[in-house]
Amino acid sequence: MIVVTGAAGFIGSNNVRALNDQGLTDIMAVDNLTKADKFRNLADCDIADYIDKLEFVQLLRSGRLPRPEVIFHQGACSDTMQADGRYMLDNNYRYSLELLRWCQDQGTPLIYASSAAVYGLGPNFVEGRQNERPLNVYGYSKALFDQVVRRELAALKAPVVGLRYFNVYGPRESHKGRMASVAFHHFNQFRADGRVRLFEGSHGYADGEQRRDFIHVDDVIRANLHFWNRPVPGVYNLGTGRAQSFNDVGLAVVNALREQEGHPPLALEQAVNQGLIEYIAFPDALRGKYQAYTQADLRQLRAAGYEGAFQTVEHGTAGYMRWLLQHTA
């Protein structure tokens, strides 16, 4: 049996689907379906059982959970605007800590989702305590658990791998609402209004030139599966190692959707001049809370033996747009 927490969520459901693609269906899917629409993410997946998060925790505490081959812990509150610190720490830190203790007792490998949010404004995105300055309680909840894992690495009885996801985009994220990727929002903007909207210049960057490390969810899942098969305990960045601009994302969306209508690709200046990319004022609510630049340092990931390639924004976004067109009414 394999356990995937957050299984009905964005990354969790892609995790389940990838396991299915390898012929694996003995999967216990753990989630909280209070927001019932997330069930759609699992509708085309094969699982052995679904269990609510609270019942799952009770099984852990009672000793009645059968020992799985591995736990992929993708479940978390990922809303960076969540202001309820008690909820965030209980959901992201305490829950993860309980899983860690159980996995060590049982000898079960644990692969879990951390986040680039631990680095705050940067500018150094290298795995190290000195670089961790989270801007919100979400980032703090992730950093706090990472610290526990790092303290215990030398004494582990079973592998534990933490992967610090950078800006993930791709299929099965529509339920995330405002927390869905920029590419997803641009898809909806272009279909509704014939244009995508980006922030005007800020933080020393020109219009739309703020940069992040955008990684396709397929690349994220490949790394998860790699560390299950070839675990090297530790906490690692998981991005592409390549910062690209929001202009790159917006233009990739525009060109991918135009291609489906038989139109040739445009350069950025052409798209702006034709009104297909529009710049809007930078929101006051985000001042001092916005990562205008992220780029994963991959040296530790590569040293741990992961050699996988990562899609560019242009390639990954084009494929994602085709998927959305097929799966959106």
C-alpha atoms as a PDB file:
ATOM      1  CA  MET A   1       0.000   0.000   0.000  1.00  0.00           C
ATOM      2  CA  ILE A   2       1.048   3.577  -0.753  1.00  0.00           C
ATOM      3  CA  VAL A   3      -0.337   6.567   1.148  1.00  0.00           C
ATOM      4  CA  VAL A   4      -0.781   9.954  -0.534  1.00  0.00           C
ATOM      5  CA  THR A   5      -1.956  12.782   1.686  1.00  0.00           C
ATOM      6  CA  GLY A   6      -3.621  15.776   0.072  1.00  0.00           C
ATOM      7  CA  ALA A   7      -4.568  13.253  -2.594  1.00  0.00           C
ATOM      8  CA  ALA A   8      -7.492  15.243  -3.983  1.00  0.00           C
ATOM      9  CA  GLY A   9      -5.425  18.417  -4.198  1.00  0.00           C
ATOM     10  CA  PHE A  10      -3.258  19.759  -6.986  1.00  0.00           C
ATOM     11  CA  ILE A  11       0.047  17.995  -6.441  1.00  0.00           C
ATOM     12  CA  GLY A  12      -1.441  15.039  -4.578  1.00  0.00           C
ATOM     13  CA  SER A  13      -3.808  14.074  -7.407  1.00  0.00           C
ATOM     14  CA  ASN A  14      -0.991  14.303  -9.939  1.00  0.00           C
ATOM     15  CA  ASN A  15       1.014  12.071  -7.598  1.00  0.00           C
ATOM     16  CA  VAL A  16      -1.806   9.491  -7.613  1.00  0.00           C
ATOM     17  CA  ARG A  17      -2.172   9.688 -11.391  1.00  0.00           C
ATOM     18  CA  ALA A  18       1.560   9.134 -11.897  1.00  0.00           C
ATOM     19  CA  LEU A  19       1.473   6.070  -9.639  1.00  0.00           C
ATOM     20  CA  ASN A  20      -1.444   4.740 -11.699  1.00  0.00           C
ATOM     21  CA  ASP A  21       0.583   5.290 -14.856  1.00  0.00           C
ATOM     22  CA  GLN A  22       3.178   2.925 -13.372  1.00  0.00           C
ATOM     23  CA  GLY A  23       0.485   0.307 -12.768  1.00  0.00           C
ATOM     24  CA  LEU A  24       0.148   1.042  -9.035  1.00  0.00           C
ATOM     25  CA  THR A  25      -3.389   1.231  -7.652  1.00  0.00           C
ATOM     26  CA  ASP A  26      -3.046  -0.003  -4.058  1.00  0.00           C
ATOM     27  CA  ILE A  27      -3.204   3.595  -2.873  1.00  0.00           C
ATOM     28  CA  MET A  28      -4.809   5.063   0.221  1.00  0.00           C
ATOM     29  CA  ALA A  29      -5.901   8.586  -0.692  1.00  0.00           C
ATOM     30  CA  VAL A  30      -6.064  10.922   2.317  1.00  0.00           C
ATOM     31  CA  ASP A  31      -7.694  14.343   2.171  1.00  0.00           C
ATOM     32  CA  ASN A  32     -10.359  16.647   3.532  1.00  0.00           C
ATOM     33  CA  LEU A  33     -13.257  16.976   1.104  1.00  0.00           C
ATOM     34  CA  THR A  34     -15.065  19.749   2.968  1.00  0.00           C
ATOM     35  CA  LYS A  35     -14.619  21.518  -0.373  1.00  0.00           C
ATOM     36  CA  ALA A  36     -16.228  18.680  -2.286  1.00  0.00           C
ATOM     37  CA  ASP A  37     -15.333  19.861  -5.798  1.00  0.00           C
ATOM     38  CA  LYS A  38     -11.816  18.510  -5.315  1.00  0.00           C
ATOM     39  CA  PHE A  39     -13.177  15.000  -5.903  1.00  0.00           C
ATOM     40  CA  ARG A  40     -12.936  15.736  -9.639  1.00  0.00           C
ATOM     41  CA  ASN A  41      -9.151  15.560  -9.400  1.00  0.00           C
ATOM     42  CA  LEU A  42      -9.415  11.878  -8.472  1.00  0.00           C
ATOM     43  CA  ALA A  43     -12.261  10.917 -10.788  1.00  0.00           C
ATOM     44  CA  ASP A  44      -9.927   9.429 -13.419  1.00  0.00           C
ATOM     45  CA  CYS A  45      -7.592   7.859 -10.852  1.00  0.00           C
ATOM     46  CA  ASP A  46      -7.661   4.349  -9.383  1.00  0.00           C
ATOM     47  CA  ILE A  47      -7.257   4.045  -5.621  1.00  0.00           C
ATOM     48  CA  ALA A  48      -7.810   1.261  -3.109  1.00  0.00           C
ATOM     49  CA  ASP A  49      -9.430   3.510  -0.496  1.00  0.00           C
ATOM     50  CA  TYR A  50     -10.246   7.108   0.385  1.00  0.00           C
ATOM     51  CA  ILE A  51     -10.010   8.234   3.993  1.00  0.00           C
ATOM     52  CA  ASP A  52     -10.686  11.578   5.618  1.00  0.00           C
ATOM     53  CA  LYS A  53      -7.680  13.283   7.168  1.00  0.00           C
ATOM     54  CA  LEU A  54      -9.134  13.231  10.678  1.00  0.00           C
ATOM     55  CA  GLU A  55      -9.855   9.504  10.493  1.00  0.00           C
ATOM     56  CA  PHE A  56      -6.358   8.947   9.114  1.00  0.00           C
ATOM     57  CA  VAL A  57      -4.820  10.727  12.101  1.00  0.00           C
ATOM     58  CA  GLN A  58      -6.925   8.599  14.447  1.00  0.00           C
ATOM     59  CA  LEU A  59      -5.617   5.446  12.744  1.00  0.00           C
ATOM     60  CA  LEU A  60      -2.067   6.687  13.223  1.00  0.00           C
ATOM     61  CA  ARG A  61      -2.602   7.384  16.914  1.00  0.00           C
ATOM     62  CA  SER A  62      -4.377   4.108  17.586  1.00  0.00           C
ATOM     63  CA  GLY A  63      -1.759   1.987  15.858  1.00  0.00           C
ATOM     64  CA  ARG A  64      -4.345   0.562  13.445  1.00  0.00           C
ATOM     65  CA  LEU A  65      -2.874   1.922  10.207  1.00  0.00           C
ATOM     66  CA  PRO A  66      -1.231  -0.859   8.164  1.00  0.00           C
ATOM     67  CA  ARG A  67       2.395  -0.073   7.362  1.00  0.00           C
ATOM     68  CA  PRO A  68       2.616   1.396   3.828  1.00  0.00           C
ATOM     69  CA  GLU A  69       5.559   1.136   1.446  1.00  0.00           C
ATOM     70  CA  VAL A  70       5.895   4.912   1.442  1.00  0.00           C
ATOM     71  CA  ILE A  71       3.974   8.035   2.413  1.00  0.00           C
ATOM     72  CA  PHE A  72       3.898  10.923  -0.048  1.00  0.00           C
ATOM     73  CA  HIS A  73       2.870  13.785   2.224  1.00  0.00           C
ATOM     74  CA  GLN A  74       1.463  16.401  -0.178  1.00  0.00           C
ATOM     75  CA  GLY A  75      -1.328  17.571   2.138  1.00  0.00           C
ATOM     76  CA  ALA A  76      -1.067  21.121   3.469  1.00  0.00           C
ATOM     77  CA  CYS A  77      -2.820  24.452   3.648  1.00  0.00           C
ATOM     78  CA  SER A  78      -1.074  26.298   0.808  1.00  0.00           C
ATOM     79  CA  ASP A  79      -2.948  29.604   1.113  1.00  0.00           C
ATOM     80  CA  THR A  80      -0.165  32.115   1.670  1.00  0.00           C
ATOM     81  CA  MET A  81      -2.764  34.730   2.658  1.00  0.00           C
ATOM     82  CA  GLN A  82      -4.188  32.555   5.463  1.00  0.00           C
ATOM     83  CA  ALA A  83      -4.140  34.646   8.646  1.00  0.00           C
ATOM     84  CA  ASP A  84      -5.106  31.912  11.128  1.00  0.00           C
ATOM     85  CA  GLY A  85      -1.709  30.908  12.474  1.00  0.00           C
ATOM     86  CA  ARG A  86      -3.113  28.299  14.842  1.00  0.00           C
ATOM     87  CA  TYR A  87      -4.798  26.476  11.961  1.00  0.00           C
ATOM     88  CA  MET A  88      -1.728  26.764   9.730  1.00  0.00           C
ATOM     89  CA  LEU A  89       0.677  25.352  12.298  1.00  0.00           C
ATOM     90  CA  ASP A  90      -1.681  22.562  13.310  1.00  0.00           C
ATOM     91  CA  ASN A  91      -2.297  21.567   9.685  1.00  0.00           C
ATOM     92  CA  ASN A  92       1.186  22.021   8.236  1.00  0.00           C
ATOM     93  CA  TYR A  93       3.543  21.553  11.171  1.00  0.00           C
ATOM     94  CA  ARG A  94       1.943  19.420  13.883  1.00  0.00           C
ATOM     95  CA  TYR A  95       0.295  17.016  11.407  1.00  0.00           C
ATOM     96  CA  SER A  96       3.617  16.600   9.561  1.00  0.00           C
ATOM     97  CA  LEU A  97       5.454  16.043  12.839  1.00  0.00           C
ATOM     98  CA  GLU A  98       3.033  13.295  13.811  1.00  0.00           C
ATOM     99  CA  LEU A  99       3.560  11.607  10.437  1.00  0.00           C
ATOM    100  CA  LEU A 100       7.333  11.869  10.820  1.00  0.00           C
ATOM    101  CA  ARG A 101       7.269  10.198  14.245  1.00  0.00           C
ATOM    102  CA  TRP A 102       4.973   7.411  13.015  1.00  0.00           C
ATOM    103  CA  CYS A 103       7.063   6.759   9.898  1.00  0.00           C
ATOM    104  CA  GLN A 104      10.234   6.510  11.978  1.00  0.00           C
ATOM    105  CA  ASP A 105       8.581   4.062  14.363  1.00  0.00           C
ATOM    106  CA  GLN A 106       7.343   1.935  11.456  1.00  0.00           C
ATOM    107  CA  GLY A 107      10.396   2.206   9.217  1.00  0.00           C
ATOM    108  CA  THR A 108       8.336   3.818   6.457  1.00  0.00           C
ATOM    109  CA  PRO A 109       9.930   6.285   3.993  1.00  0.00           C
ATOM    110  CA  LEU A 110       8.397   9.773   4.070  1.00  0.00           C
ATOM    111  CA  ILE A 111       8.568  12.146   1.121  1.00  0.00           C
ATOM    112  CA  TYR A 112       6.968  15.478   1.911  1.00  0.00           C
ATOM    113  CA  ALA A 113       6.191  18.845   0.363  1.00  0.00           C
ATOM    114  CA  SER A 114       8.077  21.847   1.634  1.00  0.00           C
ATOM    115  CA  SER A 115       8.082  25.233  -0.079  1.00  0.00           C
ATOM    116  CA  ALA A 116      10.255  28.023  -1.466  1.00  0.00           C
ATOM    117  CA  ALA A 117       8.121  30.301   0.718  1.00  0.00           C
ATOM    118  CA  VAL A 118      10.646  29.576   3.480  1.00  0.00           C
ATOM    119  CA  TYR A 119      13.085  31.959   1.738  1.00  0.00           C
ATOM    120  CA  GLY A 120      10.822  35.016   1.798  1.00  0.00           C
ATOM    121  CA  LEU A 121      12.294  37.794  -0.322  1.00  0.00           C
ATOM    122  CA  GLY A 122      15.577  35.947  -0.797  1.00  0.00           C
ATOM    123  CA  PRO A 123      17.925  36.767  -2.413  1.00  0.00           C
ATOM    124  CA  ASN A 124      19.743  33.491  -1.639  1.00  0.00           C
ATOM    125  CA  PHE A 125      17.685  30.394  -2.444  1.00  0.00           C
ATOM    126  CA  VAL A 126      20.132  27.883  -1.011  1.00  0.00           C
ATOM    127  CA  GLU A 127      19.050  25.274   1.533  1.00  0.00           C
ATOM    128  CA  GLY A 128      20.371  26.727   4.747  1.00  0.00           C
ATOM    129  CA  ARG A 129      19.026  28.159   7.983  1.00  0.00           C
ATOM    130  CA  GLN A 130      20.703  31.500   7.291  1.00  0.00           C
ATOM    131  CA  ASN A 131      18.614  32.004   4.133  1.00  0.00           C
ATOM    132  CA  GLU A 132      15.204  31.220   5.643  1.00  0.00           C
ATOM    133  CA  ARG A 133      13.165  34.382   6.248  1.00  0.00           C
ATOM    134  CA  PRO A 134       9.488  33.512   5.595  1.00  0.00           C
ATOM    135  CA  LEU A 135       7.109  36.388   4.916  1.00  0.00           C
ATOM    136  CA  ASN A 136       3.971  34.639   6.176  1.00  0.00           C
ATOM    137  CA  VAL A 137       2.834  31.932   8.565  1.00  0.00           C
ATOM    138  CA  TYR A 138       2.563  29.460   5.688  1.00  0.00           C
ATOM    139  CA  GLY A 139       6.274  29.802   4.963  1.00  0.00           C
ATOM    140  CA  TYR A 140       7.035  29.644   8.676  1.00  0.00           C
ATOM    141  CA  SER A 141       5.058  26.410   9.094  1.00  0.00           C
ATOM    142  CA  LYS A 142       7.134  24.804   6.340  1.00  0.00           C
ATOM    143  CA  ALA A 143      10.450  26.145   7.637  1.00  0.00           C
ATOM    144  CA  LEU A 144       9.697  24.929  11.152  1.00  0.00           C
ATOM    145  CA  PHE A 145       9.142  21.342  10.031  1.00  0.00           C
ATOM    146  CA  ASP A 146      12.210  21.419   7.772  1.00  0.00           C
ATOM    147  CA  GLN A 147      14.287  22.400  10.806  1.00  0.00           C
ATOM    148  CA  VAL A 148      13.054  19.346  12.716  1.00  0.00           C
ATOM    149  CA  VAL A 149      13.926  17.058   9.815  1.00  0.00           C
ATOM    150  CA  ARG A 150      17.420  18.497   9.447  1.00  0.00           C
ATOM    151  CA  ARG A 151      18.117  18.127  13.180  1.00  0.00           C
ATOM    152  CA  GLU A 152      17.182  14.449  13.022  1.00  0.00           C
ATOM    153  CA  LEU A 153      18.852  13.438   9.738  1.00  0.00           C
ATOM    154  CA  ALA A 154      21.782  11.661  11.400  1.00  0.00           C
ATOM    155  CA  ALA A 155      19.494   9.490  13.558  1.00  0.00           C
ATOM    156  CA  LEU A 156      16.836   8.511  11.001  1.00  0.00           C
ATOM    157  CA  LYS A 157      15.619   4.908  10.950  1.00  0.00           C
ATOM    158  CA  ALA A 158      13.811   5.363   7.611  1.00  0.00           C
ATOM    159  CA  PRO A 159      14.421   7.841   4.772  1.00  0.00           C
ATOM    160  CA  VAL A 160      12.860  11.308   4.952  1.00  0.00           C
ATOM    161  CA  VAL A 161      13.033  13.619   1.931  1.00  0.00           C
ATOM    162  CA  GLY A 162      11.680  17.163   1.913  1.00  0.00           C
ATOM    163  CA  LEU A 163      11.209  18.901  -1.436  1.00  0.00           C
ATOM    164  CA  ARG A 164      10.941  22.683  -1.450  1.00  0.00           C
ATOM    165  CA  TYR A 165       8.563  23.366  -4.319  1.00  0.00           C
ATOM    166  CA  PHE A 166       8.994  26.633  -6.166  1.00  0.00           C
ATOM    167  CA  ASN A 167       6.139  27.992  -8.353  1.00  0.00           C
ATOM    168  CA  VAL A 168       4.267  24.881  -9.488  1.00  0.00           C
ATOM    169  CA  TYR A 169       1.746  24.988 -12.344  1.00  0.00           C
ATOM    170  CA  GLY A 170      -0.132  22.427 -14.379  1.00  0.00           C
ATOM    171  CA  PRO A 171      -3.212  20.181 -14.543  1.00  0.00           C
ATOM    172  CA  ARG A 172      -5.672  19.644 -11.654  1.00  0.00           C
ATOM    173  CA  GLU A 173      -5.268  22.990  -9.909  1.00  0.00           C
ATOM    174  CA  SER A 174      -8.578  24.716 -10.747  1.00  0.00           C
ATOM    175  CA  HIS A 175      -9.984  24.144  -7.231  1.00  0.00           C
ATOM    176  CA  LYS A 176      -7.252  26.362  -5.752  1.00  0.00           C
ATOM    177  CA  GLY A 177      -9.044  29.572  -6.729  1.00  0.00           C
ATOM    178  CA  ARG A 178      -6.884  32.639  -6.110  1.00  0.00           C
ATOM    179  CA  MET A 179      -3.941  30.392  -5.150  1.00  0.00           C
ATOM    180  CA  ALA A 180      -3.870  28.681  -8.549  1.00  0.00           C
ATOM    181  CA  SER A 181      -0.922  29.400 -10.816  1.00  0.00           C
ATOM    182  CA  VAL A 182      -0.442  32.508 -12.917  1.00  0.00           C
ATOM    183  CA  ALA A 183      -0.739  30.352 -16.049  1.00  0.00           C
ATOM    184  CA  PHE A 184      -4.170  29.103 -14.944  1.00  0.00           C
ATOM    185  CA  HIS A 185      -5.425  32.639 -14.273  1.00  0.00           C
ATOM    186  CA  HIS A 186      -4.036  33.855 -17.594  1.00  0.00           C
ATOM    187  CA  PHE A 187      -5.877  31.067 -19.396  1.00  0.00           C
ATOM    188  CA  ASN A 188      -9.175  32.233 -17.917  1.00  0.00           C
ATOM    189  CA  GLN A 189      -8.409  35.909 -18.522  1.00  0.00           C
ATOM    190  CA  PHE A 190      -7.598  35.348 -22.168  1.00  0.00           C
ATOM    191  CA  ARG A 191     -10.686  33.231 -22.765  1.00  0.00           C
ATOM    192  CA  ALA A 192     -12.930  35.776 -21.035  1.00  0.00           C
ATOM    193  CA  ASP A 193     -11.399  39.085 -22.127  1.00  0.00           C
ATOM    194  CA  GLY A 194      -8.995  38.349 -24.965  1.00  0.00           C
ATOM    195  CA  ARG A 195      -6.011  39.509 -22.918  1.00  0.00           C
ATOM    196  CA  VAL A 196      -3.870  38.579 -19.919  1.00  0.00           C
ATOM    197  CA  ARG A 197      -3.003  40.954 -17.097  1.00  0.00           C
ATOM    198  CA  LEU A 198       0.405  41.392 -15.467  1.00  0.00           C
ATOM    199  CA  PHE A 199       1.733  43.747 -12.817  1.00  0.00           C
ATOM    200  CA  GLU A 200       3.437  46.959 -13.817  1.00  0.00           C
ATOM    201  CA  GLY A 201       7.074  47.350 -12.905  1.00  0.00           C
ATOM    202  CA  SER A 202       8.055  46.931  -9.241  1.00  0.00           C
ATOM    203  CA  HIS A 203      11.045  45.988  -7.095  1.00  0.00           C
ATOM    204  CA  GLY A 204      13.358  47.433  -9.732  1.00  0.00           C
ATOM    205  CA  TYR A 205      11.860  45.341 -12.544  1.00  0.00           C
ATOM    206  CA  ALA A 206      10.182  46.660 -15.695  1.00  0.00           C
ATOM    207  CA  ASP A 207       6.546  45.886 -16.507  1.00  0.00           C
ATOM    208  CA  GLY A 208       5.953  42.133 -16.219  1.00  0.00           C
ATOM    209  CA  GLU A 209       9.645  41.418 -15.711  1.00  0.00           C
ATOM    210  CA  GLN A 210       9.380  40.177 -12.124  1.00  0.00           C
ATOM    211  CA  ARG A 211      10.867  36.681 -12.215  1.00  0.00           C
ATOM    212  CA  ARG A 212      10.174  33.359 -10.565  1.00  0.00           C
ATOM    213  CA  ASP A 213      11.197  29.765 -10.905  1.00  0.00           C
ATOM    214  CA  PHE A 214       8.122  28.192 -12.535  1.00  0.00           C
ATOM    215  CA  ILE A 215       8.084  24.382 -12.488  1.00  0.00           C
ATOM    216  CA  HIS A 216       5.568  22.083 -14.182  1.00  0.00           C
ATOM    217  CA  VAL A 217       3.797  19.675 -11.842  1.00  0.00           C
ATOM    218  CA  ASP A 218       4.901  16.682 -13.960  1.00  0.00           C
ATOM    219  CA  ASP A 219       8.515  17.570 -13.163  1.00  0.00           C
ATOM    220  CA  VAL A 220       7.657  17.829  -9.477  1.00  0.00           C
ATOM    221  CA  ILE A 221       6.112  14.358  -9.439  1.00  0.00           C
ATOM    222  CA  ARG A 222       9.042  12.805 -11.306  1.00  0.00           C
ATOM    223  CA  ALA A 223      11.341  14.026  -8.543  1.00  0.00           C
ATOM    224  CA  ASN A 224       9.031  12.625  -5.856  1.00  0.00           C
ATOM    225  CA  LEU A 225       9.045   9.194  -7.483  1.00  0.00           C
ATOM    226  CA  HIS A 226      12.810   9.310  -7.949  1.00  0.00           C
ATOM    227  CA  PHE A 227      13.427   9.840  -4.238  1.00  0.00           C
ATOM    228  CA  TRP A 228      11.070   7.006  -3.363  1.00  0.00           C
ATOM    229  CA  ASN A 229      13.137   4.618  -5.475  1.00  0.00           C
ATOM    230  CA  ARG A 230      16.529   6.149  -4.638  1.00  0.00           C
ATOM    231  CA  PRO A 231      16.152   7.982  -1.324  1.00  0.00           C
ATOM    232  CA  VAL A 232      18.865  10.303  -0.079  1.00  0.00           C
ATOM    233  CA  PRO A 233      17.536  11.853   3.148  1.00  0.00           C
ATOM    234  CA  GLY A 234      17.571  15.635   3.267  1.00  0.00           C
ATOM    235  CA  VAL A 235      15.711  18.820   2.393  1.00  0.00           C
ATOM    236  CA  TYR A 236      16.138  19.927  -1.219  1.00  0.00           C
ATOM    237  CA  ASN A 237      15.030  22.733  -3.500  1.00  0.00           C
ATOM    238  CA  LEU A 238      12.761  21.595  -6.311  1.00  0.00           C
ATOM    239  CA  GLY A 239      12.560  24.169  -9.066  1.00  0.00           C
ATOM    240  CA  THR A 240      14.033  24.375 -12.543  1.00  0.00           C
ATOM    241  CA  GLY A 241      17.041  26.434 -11.488  1.00  0.00           C
ATOM    242  CA  ARG A 242      15.952  28.997 -14.073  1.00  0.00           C
ATOM    243  CA  ALA A 243      14.064  32.192 -13.239  1.00  0.00           C
ATOM    244  CA  GLN A 244      11.702  33.344 -15.989  1.00  0.00           C
ATOM    245  CA  SER A 245       9.602  36.472 -16.178  1.00  0.00           C
ATOM    246  CA  PHE A 246       5.857  36.796 -15.818  1.00  0.00           C
ATOM    247  CA  ASN A 247       6.026  38.219 -19.338  1.00  0.00           C
ATOM    248  CA  ASP A 248       7.329  34.805 -20.428  1.00  0.00           C
ATOM    249  CA  VAL A 249       4.331  33.119 -18.813  1.00  0.00           C
ATOM    250  CA  GLY A 250       1.795  35.564 -20.218  1.00  0.00           C
ATOM    251  CA  LEU A 251       3.227  35.382 -23.722  1.00  0.00           C
ATOM    252  CA  ALA A 252       3.375  31.569 -23.587  1.00  0.00           C
ATOM    253  CA  VAL A 253      -0.329  31.484 -22.694  1.00  0.00           C
ATOM    254  CA  VAL A 254      -1.254  33.951 -25.441  1.00  0.00           C
ATOM    255  CA  ASN A 255       0.736  32.115 -28.102  1.00  0.00           C
ATOM    256  CA  ALA A 256      -0.486  28.668 -27.053  1.00  0.00           C
ATOM    257  CA  LEU A 257      -4.122  29.731 -27.220  1.00  0.00           C
ATOM    258  CA  ARG A 258      -3.621  31.641 -30.460  1.00  0.00           C
ATOM    259  CA  GLU A 259      -2.005  28.556 -31.964  1.00  0.00           C
ATOM    260  CA  GLN A 260      -5.188  26.577 -31.307  1.00  0.00           C
ATOM    261  CA  GLU A 261      -7.012  29.157 -33.448  1.00  0.00           C
ATOM    262  CA  GLY A 262      -4.476  28.891 -36.274  1.00  0.00           C
ATOM    263  CA  HIS A 263      -2.623  32.145 -35.530  1.00  0.00           C
ATOM    264  CA  PRO A 264       1.185  32.502 -35.662  1.00  0.00           C
ATOM    265  CA  PRO A 265       3.193  33.244 -32.494  1.00  0.00           C
ATOM    266  CA  LEU A 266       3.863  36.830 -31.463  1.00  0.00           C
ATOM    267  CA  ALA A 267       6.838  38.530 -29.875  1.00  0.00           C
ATOM    268  CA  LEU A 268       6.244  40.252 -26.532  1.00  0.00           C
ATOM    269  CA  GLU A 269       6.182  43.754 -28.045  1.00  0.00           C
ATOM    270  CA  GLN A 270       3.627  42.671 -30.617  1.00  0.00           C
ATOM    271  CA  ALA A 271       1.388  41.102 -27.984  1.00  0.00           C
ATOM    272  CA  VAL A 272       1.531  44.258 -25.863  1.00  0.00           C
ATOM    273  CA  ASN A 273       0.878  46.545 -28.836  1.00  0.00           C
ATOM    274  CA  GLN A 274      -2.135  44.449 -29.845  1.00  0.00           C
ATOM    275  CA  GLY A 275      -3.552  44.663 -26.331  1.00  0.00           C
ATOM    276  CA  LEU A 276      -3.181  40.944 -25.670  1.00  0.00           C
ATOM    277  CA  ILE A 277      -0.987  41.647 -22.636  1.00  0.00           C
ATOM    278  CA  GLU A 278      -2.061  44.414 -20.279  1.00  0.00           C
ATOM    279  CA  TYR A 279      -0.145  45.812 -17.310  1.00  0.00           C
ATOM    280  CA  ILE A 280      -2.011  46.767 -14.137  1.00  0.00           C
ATOM    281  CA  ALA A 281      -0.906  48.668 -11.046  1.00  0.00           C
ATOM    282  CA  PHE A 282       1.025  46.695  -8.436  1.00  0.00           C
ATOM    283  CA  PRO A 283      -1.357  46.100  -5.485  1.00  0.00           C
ATOM    284  CA  ASP A 284      -0.653  47.933  -2.249  1.00  0.00           C
ATOM    285  CA  ALA A 285      -1.689  44.800  -0.329  1.00  0.00           C
ATOM    286  CA  LEU A 286       1.346  42.939  -1.682  1.00  0.00           C
ATOM    287  CA  ARG A 287       3.986  45.540  -0.892  1.00  0.00           C
ATOM    288  CA  GLY A 288       6.627  44.013   1.346  1.00  0.00           C
ATOM    289  CA  LYS A 289       5.044  40.554   0.936  1.00  0.00           C
ATOM    290  CA  TYR A 290       5.855  39.714  -2.669  1.00  0.00           C
ATOM    291  CA  GLN A 291       8.583  37.481  -4.065  1.00  0.00           C
ATOM    292  CA  ALA A 292       9.670  39.461  -7.131  1.00  0.00           C
ATOM    293  CA  TYR A 293      12.501  37.021  -7.815  1.00  0.00           C
ATOM    294  CA  THR A 294      13.013  33.334  -7.044  1.00  0.00           C
ATOM    295  CA  GLN A 295      15.417  30.837  -8.519  1.00  0.00           C
ATOM    296  CA  ALA A 296      16.132  27.448  -7.016  1.00  0.00           C
ATOM    297  CA  ASP A 297      19.739  26.601  -6.327  1.00  0.00           C
ATOM    298  CA  LEU A 298      19.900  22.967  -7.474  1.00  0.00           C
ATOM    299  CA  ARG A 299      23.383  22.017  -6.311  1.00  0.00           C
ATOM    300  CA  GLN A 300      22.187  19.941  -3.358  1.00  0.00           C
ATOM    301  CA  LEU A 301      19.412  18.299  -5.415  1.00  0.00           C
ATOM    302  CA  ARG A 302      21.923  17.280  -8.081  1.00  0.00           C
ATOM    303  CA  ALA A 303      24.426  16.108  -5.468  1.00  0.00           C
ATOM    304  CA  ALA A 304      21.698  13.822  -4.081  1.00  0.00           C
ATOM    305  CA  GLY A 305      21.587  12.088  -7.463  1.00  0.00           C
ATOM    306  CA  TYR A 306      18.603  13.694  -9.172  1.00  0.00           C
ATOM    307  CA  GLU A 307      19.493  14.280 -12.827  1.00  0.00           C
ATOM    308  CA  GLY A 308      16.035  14.938 -14.265  1.00  0.00           C
ATOM    309  CA  ALA A 309      15.536  17.722 -16.797  1.00  0.00           C
ATOM    310  CA  PHE A 310      12.936  20.469 -16.312  1.00  0.00           C
ATOM    311  CA  GLN A 311      10.581  21.998 -18.843  1.00  0.00           C
ATOM    312  CA  THR A 312      10.913  25.640 -19.807  1.00  0.00           C
ATOM    313  CA  VAL A 313       7.954  27.949 -19.204  1.00  0.00           C
ATOM    314  CA  GLU A 314       7.316  28.045 -22.953  1.00  0.00           C
ATOM    315  CA  HIS A 315       7.171  24.271 -23.360  1.00  0.00           C
ATOM    316  CA  GLY A 316       5.385  23.457 -20.103  1.00  0.00           C
ATOM    317  CA  THR A 317       2.792  26.200 -20.469  1.00  0.00           C
ATOM    318  CA  ALA A 318       1.945  25.222 -24.050  1.00  0.00           C
ATOM    319  CA  GLY A 319       1.216  21.654 -22.949  1.00  0.00           C
ATOM    320  CA  TYR A 320      -0.798  22.887 -19.976  1.00  0.00           C
ATOM    321  CA  MET A 321      -2.932  25.130 -22.187  1.00  0.00           C
ATOM    322  CA  ARG A 322      -3.736  22.168 -24.430  1.00  0.00           C
ATOM    323  CA  TRP A 323      -4.746  20.149 -21.372  1.00  0.00           C
ATOM    324  CA  LEU A 324      -6.988  22.961 -20.088  1.00  0.00           C
ATOM    325  CA  LEU A 325      -8.703  23.294 -23.473  1.00  0.00           C
ATOM    326  CA  GLN A 326      -9.514  19.579 -23.383  1.00  0.00           C
ATOM    327  CA  HIS A 327     -10.757  19.621 -19.789  1.00  0.00           C
ATOM    328  CA  THR A 328     -12.593  22.954 -19.587  1.00  0.00           C
ATOM    329  CA  ALA A 329     -16.153  23.412 -20.726  1.00  0.00           C
END
